[in-house]
Amino acid sequence: MSNIAGKHKPEIDRVQLVYASVLDVVSHTGMVLIAAGFLAYTARLLPLTVSIEDVASHWHLRAGEMNRLLSVPSGWSWLQDPLHGDVLSFISIVFLSMAAMICLVAVIPVFFAEKNRTYALIAILQVLVLAAAVVGIAS
């Protein structure tokens, strides 16, 4: 520990710094994407797969019923045509929800550089479990 003016300053692990810096970038980028997606949707800057009025008038329904009635893209079908305002908004939420996985991928090389293979393996397994959940294997 370093001693600055009589105060002890804790040392911060490199893994923590990498994780935190990646999380900072991902979270700020995600918030900008969410705002841009919302703006594109509400200002109708791009075509919509489901109109704002249709969403508002069916808001009382369960998600499954709403998807069936409005022919909302489900599963991974939104990837086929991402240039719609509502899909772009959804993509921003998907990106932000993947923050933990992105951070884990970023720290894996740090674990290997520090010769900490156990933590590297744990991080790799976490990424694989999260990826399996994303694609629906672990559901």
N, C-alpha and C. Protein backbone atom coordinates (compact mmCIF):
# COMPACT_ATOMS: atom_id res chain seq x y z
N MET A 1 0.83 -1.18 0.00
CA MET A 1 0.00 0.00 0.00
C MET A 1 0.88 1.25 0.00
N SER A 2 0.44 2.22 -0.72
CA SER A 2 1.20 3.47 -0.76
C SER A 2 0.70 4.39 0.35
N ASN A 3 1.56 5.27 0.78
CA ASN A 3 1.23 6.18 1.86
C ASN A 3 1.35 7.60 1.34
N ILE A 4 0.21 8.27 1.19
CA ILE A 4 0.19 9.66 0.70
C ILE A 4 -0.33 10.53 1.83
N ALA A 5 0.56 11.40 2.32
CA ALA A 5 0.20 12.34 3.39
C ALA A 5 -0.43 11.64 4.58
N GLY A 6 0.13 10.48 4.94
CA GLY A 6 -0.35 9.76 6.11
C GLY A 6 -1.60 8.93 5.87
N LYS A 7 -2.14 8.96 4.69
CA LYS A 7 -3.34 8.18 4.40
C LYS A 7 -2.95 6.96 3.56
N HIS A 8 -3.57 5.86 3.85
CA HIS A 8 -3.31 4.65 3.09
C HIS A 8 -4.23 4.60 1.88
N LYS A 9 -3.63 4.41 0.74
CA LYS A 9 -4.41 4.31 -0.49
C LYS A 9 -4.37 2.85 -0.94
N PRO A 10 -5.53 2.21 -1.01
CA PRO A 10 -5.52 0.80 -1.40
C PRO A 10 -5.11 0.65 -2.86
N GLU A 11 -4.40 -0.43 -3.12
CA GLU A 11 -4.02 -0.72 -4.50
C GLU A 11 -5.22 -1.34 -5.21
N ILE A 12 -5.41 -0.94 -6.43
CA ILE A 12 -6.53 -1.46 -7.21
C ILE A 12 -5.98 -2.46 -8.22
N ASP A 13 -6.61 -3.60 -8.22
CA ASP A 13 -6.20 -4.68 -9.10
C ASP A 13 -6.42 -4.29 -10.56
N ARG A 14 -5.52 -4.73 -11.44
CA ARG A 14 -5.63 -4.42 -12.87
C ARG A 14 -6.93 -4.97 -13.47
N VAL A 15 -7.35 -6.14 -13.01
CA VAL A 15 -8.60 -6.73 -13.51
C VAL A 15 -9.77 -5.80 -13.19
N GLN A 16 -9.79 -5.26 -11.97
CA GLN A 16 -10.86 -4.34 -11.59
C GLN A 16 -10.85 -3.08 -12.44
N LEU A 17 -9.66 -2.57 -12.74
CA LEU A 17 -9.56 -1.37 -13.57
C LEU A 17 -10.06 -1.63 -14.99
N VAL A 18 -9.68 -2.77 -15.55
CA VAL A 18 -10.13 -3.11 -16.91
C VAL A 18 -11.64 -3.30 -16.92
N TYR A 19 -12.16 -4.06 -15.96
CA TYR A 19 -13.60 -4.31 -15.90
C TYR A 19 -14.35 -2.98 -15.75
N ALA A 20 -13.88 -2.14 -14.83
CA ALA A 20 -14.55 -0.85 -14.59
C ALA A 20 -14.48 0.07 -15.80
N SER A 21 -13.33 0.12 -16.46
CA SER A 21 -13.23 1.01 -17.63
C SER A 21 -14.09 0.53 -18.78
N VAL A 22 -14.16 -0.78 -18.98
CA VAL A 22 -15.03 -1.32 -20.04
C VAL A 22 -16.49 -1.09 -19.67
N LEU A 23 -16.84 -1.31 -18.41
CA LEU A 23 -18.21 -1.08 -17.96
C LEU A 23 -18.60 0.39 -18.14
N ASP A 24 -17.68 1.29 -17.88
CA ASP A 24 -17.94 2.72 -18.07
C ASP A 24 -18.28 3.01 -19.53
N VAL A 25 -17.46 2.50 -20.44
CA VAL A 25 -17.69 2.74 -21.87
C VAL A 25 -18.99 2.08 -22.32
N VAL A 26 -19.21 0.83 -21.92
CA VAL A 26 -20.41 0.11 -22.34
C VAL A 26 -21.67 0.78 -21.79
N SER A 27 -21.65 1.17 -20.53
CA SER A 27 -22.85 1.77 -19.96
C SER A 27 -23.16 3.13 -20.57
N HIS A 28 -22.13 3.94 -20.79
CA HIS A 28 -22.38 5.25 -21.43
C HIS A 28 -22.82 5.08 -22.88
N THR A 29 -22.18 4.17 -23.59
CA THR A 29 -22.58 3.90 -24.97
C THR A 29 -24.01 3.38 -25.02
N GLY A 30 -24.34 2.49 -24.09
CA GLY A 30 -25.69 1.95 -24.02
C GLY A 30 -26.74 3.00 -23.78
N MET A 31 -26.44 3.94 -22.90
CA MET A 31 -27.40 5.00 -22.62
C MET A 31 -27.60 5.91 -23.83
N VAL A 32 -26.51 6.20 -24.54
CA VAL A 32 -26.62 7.00 -25.77
C VAL A 32 -27.44 6.24 -26.81
N LEU A 33 -27.18 4.93 -26.94
CA LEU A 33 -27.95 4.13 -27.89
C LEU A 33 -29.42 4.06 -27.53
N ILE A 34 -29.72 3.94 -26.24
CA ILE A 34 -31.12 3.92 -25.81
C ILE A 34 -31.80 5.24 -26.16
N ALA A 35 -31.14 6.36 -25.89
CA ALA A 35 -31.72 7.66 -26.22
C ALA A 35 -31.91 7.81 -27.72
N ALA A 36 -30.91 7.38 -28.50
CA ALA A 36 -31.00 7.47 -29.96
C ALA A 36 -32.10 6.55 -30.49
N GLY A 37 -32.20 5.35 -29.93
CA GLY A 37 -33.25 4.42 -30.36
C GLY A 37 -34.63 4.95 -30.03
N PHE A 38 -34.78 5.52 -28.84
CA PHE A 38 -36.07 6.11 -28.44
C PHE A 38 -36.43 7.27 -29.35
N LEU A 39 -35.44 8.12 -29.64
CA LEU A 39 -35.68 9.25 -30.52
C LEU A 39 -36.07 8.78 -31.92
N ALA A 40 -35.35 7.79 -32.44
CA ALA A 40 -35.67 7.26 -33.77
C ALA A 40 -37.08 6.67 -33.80
N TYR A 41 -37.47 6.03 -32.70
CA TYR A 41 -38.80 5.41 -32.63
C TYR A 41 -39.89 6.46 -32.52
N THR A 42 -39.77 7.35 -31.55
CA THR A 42 -40.85 8.31 -31.31
C THR A 42 -40.93 9.39 -32.38
N ALA A 43 -39.80 9.76 -32.98
CA ALA A 43 -39.82 10.76 -34.04
C ALA A 43 -40.04 10.13 -35.41
N ARG A 44 -40.14 8.81 -35.42
CA ARG A 44 -40.37 8.05 -36.66
C ARG A 44 -39.34 8.38 -37.73
N LEU A 45 -38.08 8.43 -37.28
CA LEU A 45 -36.98 8.69 -38.21
C LEU A 45 -36.73 7.50 -39.11
N LEU A 46 -37.14 6.34 -38.66
CA LEU A 46 -37.03 5.10 -39.44
C LEU A 46 -38.43 4.47 -39.48
N PRO A 47 -38.68 3.61 -40.45
CA PRO A 47 -39.98 2.94 -40.46
C PRO A 47 -40.15 2.08 -39.20
N LEU A 48 -41.40 1.84 -38.81
CA LEU A 48 -41.68 1.07 -37.61
C LEU A 48 -42.28 -0.28 -37.99
N THR A 49 -41.94 -1.32 -37.23
CA THR A 49 -42.60 -2.61 -37.43
C THR A 49 -43.95 -2.60 -36.73
N VAL A 50 -44.04 -1.89 -35.62
CA VAL A 50 -45.30 -1.73 -34.89
C VAL A 50 -45.43 -0.25 -34.54
N SER A 51 -46.56 0.33 -34.87
CA SER A 51 -46.73 1.77 -34.63
C SER A 51 -46.86 2.06 -33.13
N ILE A 52 -46.54 3.27 -32.78
CA ILE A 52 -46.65 3.72 -31.39
C ILE A 52 -48.10 3.62 -30.92
N GLU A 53 -49.03 3.96 -31.80
CA GLU A 53 -50.46 3.90 -31.46
C GLU A 53 -50.90 2.46 -31.17
N ASP A 54 -50.40 1.50 -31.97
CA ASP A 54 -50.74 0.10 -31.74
C ASP A 54 -50.19 -0.40 -30.40
N VAL A 55 -48.97 -0.01 -30.09
CA VAL A 55 -48.39 -0.41 -28.80
C VAL A 55 -49.22 0.18 -27.67
N ALA A 56 -49.57 1.47 -27.78
CA ALA A 56 -50.33 2.13 -26.72
C ALA A 56 -51.72 1.52 -26.55
N SER A 57 -52.37 1.17 -27.63
CA SER A 57 -53.74 0.64 -27.53
C SER A 57 -53.77 -0.82 -27.07
N HIS A 58 -52.65 -1.52 -27.13
CA HIS A 58 -52.59 -2.91 -26.70
C HIS A 58 -51.74 -3.09 -25.44
N TRP A 59 -51.45 -2.00 -24.77
CA TRP A 59 -50.55 -2.02 -23.61
C TRP A 59 -51.07 -2.91 -22.48
N HIS A 60 -52.38 -3.06 -22.38
CA HIS A 60 -53.00 -3.83 -21.30
C HIS A 60 -52.84 -5.34 -21.48
N LEU A 61 -52.45 -5.79 -22.66
CA LEU A 61 -52.32 -7.22 -22.93
C LEU A 61 -51.02 -7.79 -22.39
N ARG A 62 -51.02 -9.09 -22.21
CA ARG A 62 -49.77 -9.78 -21.87
C ARG A 62 -48.87 -9.75 -23.09
N ALA A 63 -47.56 -9.88 -22.86
CA ALA A 63 -46.59 -9.77 -23.95
C ALA A 63 -46.87 -10.78 -25.06
N GLY A 64 -47.17 -12.00 -24.71
CA GLY A 64 -47.45 -13.03 -25.72
C GLY A 64 -48.65 -12.69 -26.58
N GLU A 65 -49.73 -12.20 -25.94
CA GLU A 65 -50.92 -11.81 -26.69
C GLU A 65 -50.63 -10.63 -27.62
N MET A 66 -49.91 -9.66 -27.09
CA MET A 66 -49.57 -8.48 -27.88
C MET A 66 -48.71 -8.87 -29.08
N ASN A 67 -47.73 -9.74 -28.87
CA ASN A 67 -46.88 -10.20 -29.97
C ASN A 67 -47.70 -10.90 -31.05
N ARG A 68 -48.65 -11.73 -30.62
CA ARG A 68 -49.47 -12.48 -31.57
C ARG A 68 -50.39 -11.54 -32.36
N LEU A 69 -51.03 -10.61 -31.69
CA LEU A 69 -51.97 -9.70 -32.35
C LEU A 69 -51.29 -8.71 -33.28
N LEU A 70 -50.11 -8.23 -32.89
CA LEU A 70 -49.45 -7.18 -33.65
C LEU A 70 -48.36 -7.70 -34.59
N SER A 71 -48.16 -8.99 -34.61
CA SER A 71 -47.09 -9.59 -35.42
C SER A 71 -45.74 -8.94 -35.12
N VAL A 72 -45.45 -8.84 -33.83
CA VAL A 72 -44.18 -8.28 -33.39
C VAL A 72 -43.07 -9.29 -33.64
N PRO A 73 -41.91 -8.84 -34.15
CA PRO A 73 -40.81 -9.78 -34.32
C PRO A 73 -40.46 -10.45 -32.99
N SER A 74 -40.28 -11.75 -33.03
CA SER A 74 -39.96 -12.47 -31.80
C SER A 74 -38.70 -13.30 -32.00
N GLY A 75 -38.17 -13.76 -30.89
CA GLY A 75 -36.92 -14.52 -30.97
C GLY A 75 -35.82 -13.66 -31.55
N TRP A 76 -35.10 -14.23 -32.49
CA TRP A 76 -33.99 -13.51 -33.14
C TRP A 76 -34.41 -12.91 -34.48
N SER A 77 -35.69 -12.91 -34.80
CA SER A 77 -36.15 -12.42 -36.10
C SER A 77 -35.87 -10.92 -36.28
N TRP A 78 -35.71 -10.18 -35.19
CA TRP A 78 -35.42 -8.75 -35.29
C TRP A 78 -34.07 -8.49 -35.95
N LEU A 79 -33.19 -9.47 -35.94
CA LEU A 79 -31.88 -9.30 -36.59
C LEU A 79 -31.98 -9.25 -38.12
N GLN A 80 -33.05 -9.79 -38.66
CA GLN A 80 -33.21 -9.83 -40.11
C GLN A 80 -33.40 -8.44 -40.72
N ASP A 81 -33.98 -7.54 -39.97
CA ASP A 81 -34.23 -6.19 -40.49
C ASP A 81 -34.09 -5.17 -39.36
N PRO A 82 -32.85 -4.83 -38.99
CA PRO A 82 -32.65 -3.96 -37.83
C PRO A 82 -32.93 -2.48 -38.09
N LEU A 83 -33.17 -2.08 -39.32
CA LEU A 83 -33.35 -0.66 -39.62
C LEU A 83 -34.80 -0.21 -39.50
N HIS A 84 -35.38 -0.52 -38.36
CA HIS A 84 -36.70 -0.02 -37.98
C HIS A 84 -36.53 0.70 -36.65
N GLY A 85 -37.28 1.75 -36.43
CA GLY A 85 -37.13 2.53 -35.21
C GLY A 85 -37.33 1.73 -33.94
N ASP A 86 -38.36 0.88 -33.91
CA ASP A 86 -38.62 0.09 -32.71
C ASP A 86 -37.57 -1.00 -32.53
N VAL A 87 -37.08 -1.56 -33.60
CA VAL A 87 -36.04 -2.60 -33.51
C VAL A 87 -34.72 -1.97 -33.06
N LEU A 88 -34.42 -0.79 -33.55
CA LEU A 88 -33.20 -0.09 -33.14
C LEU A 88 -33.23 0.21 -31.63
N SER A 89 -34.37 0.58 -31.14
CA SER A 89 -34.54 0.81 -29.71
C SER A 89 -34.31 -0.48 -28.93
N PHE A 90 -34.83 -1.59 -29.44
CA PHE A 90 -34.65 -2.89 -28.80
C PHE A 90 -33.18 -3.32 -28.81
N ILE A 91 -32.49 -3.06 -29.91
CA ILE A 91 -31.07 -3.41 -30.01
C ILE A 91 -30.26 -2.70 -28.94
N SER A 92 -30.60 -1.44 -28.66
CA SER A 92 -29.87 -0.71 -27.63
C SER A 92 -30.04 -1.36 -26.26
N ILE A 93 -31.21 -1.88 -25.97
CA ILE A 93 -31.45 -2.56 -24.70
C ILE A 93 -30.70 -3.89 -24.67
N VAL A 94 -30.67 -4.60 -25.78
CA VAL A 94 -29.90 -5.85 -25.87
C VAL A 94 -28.43 -5.56 -25.61
N PHE A 95 -27.90 -4.52 -26.22
CA PHE A 95 -26.50 -4.16 -26.02
C PHE A 95 -26.21 -3.88 -24.55
N LEU A 96 -27.05 -3.09 -23.91
CA LEU A 96 -26.83 -2.74 -22.51
C LEU A 96 -26.96 -3.96 -21.60
N SER A 97 -27.85 -4.86 -21.93
CA SER A 97 -28.02 -6.06 -21.10
C SER A 97 -26.83 -7.02 -21.23
N MET A 98 -26.01 -6.84 -22.24
CA MET A 98 -24.83 -7.69 -22.43
C MET A 98 -23.59 -7.08 -21.78
N ALA A 99 -23.74 -6.05 -20.97
CA ALA A 99 -22.60 -5.36 -20.37
C ALA A 99 -21.71 -6.30 -19.57
N ALA A 100 -22.30 -7.14 -18.74
CA ALA A 100 -21.48 -8.04 -17.92
C ALA A 100 -20.66 -8.99 -18.78
N MET A 101 -21.27 -9.50 -19.84
CA MET A 101 -20.55 -10.42 -20.72
C MET A 101 -19.40 -9.70 -21.44
N ILE A 102 -19.63 -8.50 -21.89
CA ILE A 102 -18.59 -7.73 -22.57
C ILE A 102 -17.42 -7.46 -21.62
N CYS A 103 -17.74 -7.11 -20.38
CA CYS A 103 -16.69 -6.85 -19.39
C CYS A 103 -15.90 -8.12 -19.07
N LEU A 104 -16.59 -9.24 -18.95
CA LEU A 104 -15.89 -10.50 -18.69
C LEU A 104 -14.96 -10.87 -19.83
N VAL A 105 -15.41 -10.68 -21.05
CA VAL A 105 -14.54 -10.96 -22.21
C VAL A 105 -13.30 -10.08 -22.17
N ALA A 106 -13.47 -8.84 -21.72
CA ALA A 106 -12.34 -7.91 -21.66
C ALA A 106 -11.31 -8.30 -20.60
N VAL A 107 -11.74 -8.92 -19.49
CA VAL A 107 -10.79 -9.25 -18.43
C VAL A 107 -10.13 -10.62 -18.60
N ILE A 108 -10.65 -11.45 -19.47
CA ILE A 108 -10.04 -12.77 -19.67
C ILE A 108 -8.57 -12.67 -20.07
N PRO A 109 -8.19 -11.82 -21.03
CA PRO A 109 -6.77 -11.69 -21.36
C PRO A 109 -5.92 -11.19 -20.18
N VAL A 110 -6.51 -10.36 -19.33
CA VAL A 110 -5.79 -9.86 -18.15
C VAL A 110 -5.51 -11.02 -17.20
N PHE A 111 -6.48 -11.87 -16.99
CA PHE A 111 -6.27 -13.04 -16.14
C PHE A 111 -5.13 -13.90 -16.69
N PHE A 112 -5.14 -14.12 -18.00
CA PHE A 112 -4.07 -14.92 -18.60
C PHE A 112 -2.72 -14.21 -18.47
N ALA A 113 -2.69 -12.90 -18.67
CA ALA A 113 -1.43 -12.15 -18.55
C ALA A 113 -0.87 -12.22 -17.13
N GLU A 114 -1.76 -12.30 -16.15
CA GLU A 114 -1.33 -12.40 -14.76
C GLU A 114 -1.10 -13.85 -14.34
N LYS A 115 -1.18 -14.76 -15.31
CA LYS A 115 -1.00 -16.20 -15.07
C LYS A 115 -2.03 -16.74 -14.06
N ASN A 116 -3.20 -16.17 -14.08
CA ASN A 116 -4.27 -16.60 -13.19
C ASN A 116 -5.27 -17.41 -14.01
N ARG A 117 -4.88 -18.62 -14.31
CA ARG A 117 -5.68 -19.48 -15.21
C ARG A 117 -7.01 -19.89 -14.59
N THR A 118 -7.06 -20.00 -13.27
CA THR A 118 -8.30 -20.40 -12.61
C THR A 118 -9.38 -19.35 -12.83
N TYR A 119 -9.05 -18.09 -12.57
CA TYR A 119 -10.03 -17.03 -12.80
C TYR A 119 -10.34 -16.87 -14.29
N ALA A 120 -9.36 -17.07 -15.13
CA ALA A 120 -9.60 -17.01 -16.58
C ALA A 120 -10.62 -18.08 -16.98
N LEU A 121 -10.45 -19.29 -16.45
CA LEU A 121 -11.38 -20.38 -16.76
C LEU A 121 -12.78 -20.06 -16.23
N ILE A 122 -12.85 -19.52 -15.02
CA ILE A 122 -14.15 -19.16 -14.45
C ILE A 122 -14.82 -18.09 -15.32
N ALA A 123 -14.06 -17.09 -15.75
CA ALA A 123 -14.62 -16.03 -16.60
C ALA A 123 -15.10 -16.59 -17.94
N ILE A 124 -14.30 -17.49 -18.52
CA ILE A 124 -14.70 -18.12 -19.79
C ILE A 124 -15.99 -18.91 -19.60
N LEU A 125 -16.08 -19.67 -18.51
CA LEU A 125 -17.30 -20.44 -18.25
C LEU A 125 -18.50 -19.52 -18.04
N GLN A 126 -18.30 -18.40 -17.35
CA GLN A 126 -19.40 -17.44 -17.17
C GLN A 126 -19.87 -16.90 -18.52
N VAL A 127 -18.93 -16.57 -19.38
CA VAL A 127 -19.29 -16.05 -20.71
C VAL A 127 -20.05 -17.12 -21.49
N LEU A 128 -19.61 -18.36 -21.41
CA LEU A 128 -20.29 -19.45 -22.12
C LEU A 128 -21.71 -19.66 -21.59
N VAL A 129 -21.88 -19.59 -20.27
CA VAL A 129 -23.22 -19.74 -19.69
C VAL A 129 -24.12 -18.57 -20.12
N LEU A 130 -23.59 -17.35 -20.07
CA LEU A 130 -24.38 -16.20 -20.50
C LEU A 130 -24.72 -16.28 -21.98
N ALA A 131 -23.77 -16.71 -22.78
CA ALA A 131 -24.03 -16.86 -24.22
C ALA A 131 -25.09 -17.94 -24.47
N ALA A 132 -25.03 -19.02 -23.71
CA ALA A 132 -26.04 -20.08 -23.84
C ALA A 132 -27.42 -19.55 -23.48
N ALA A 133 -27.47 -18.72 -22.45
CA ALA A 133 -28.76 -18.13 -22.06
C ALA A 133 -29.28 -17.19 -23.13
N VAL A 134 -28.38 -16.43 -23.75
CA VAL A 134 -28.77 -15.48 -24.79
C VAL A 134 -29.39 -16.21 -25.98
N VAL A 135 -28.78 -17.30 -26.40
CA VAL A 135 -29.30 -18.00 -27.58
C VAL A 135 -30.44 -18.96 -27.24
N GLY A 136 -30.76 -19.09 -25.96
CA GLY A 136 -31.91 -19.87 -25.59
C GLY A 136 -31.61 -21.30 -25.18
N ILE A 137 -30.35 -21.68 -25.13
CA ILE A 137 -30.00 -23.03 -24.74
C ILE A 137 -30.30 -23.26 -23.27
N ALA A 138 -30.03 -22.26 -22.44
CA ALA A 138 -30.17 -22.41 -20.99
C ALA A 138 -31.53 -21.94 -20.47
N SER A 139 -32.52 -21.83 -21.34
CA SER A 139 -33.81 -21.31 -20.87
C SER A 139 -34.72 -22.41 -20.38
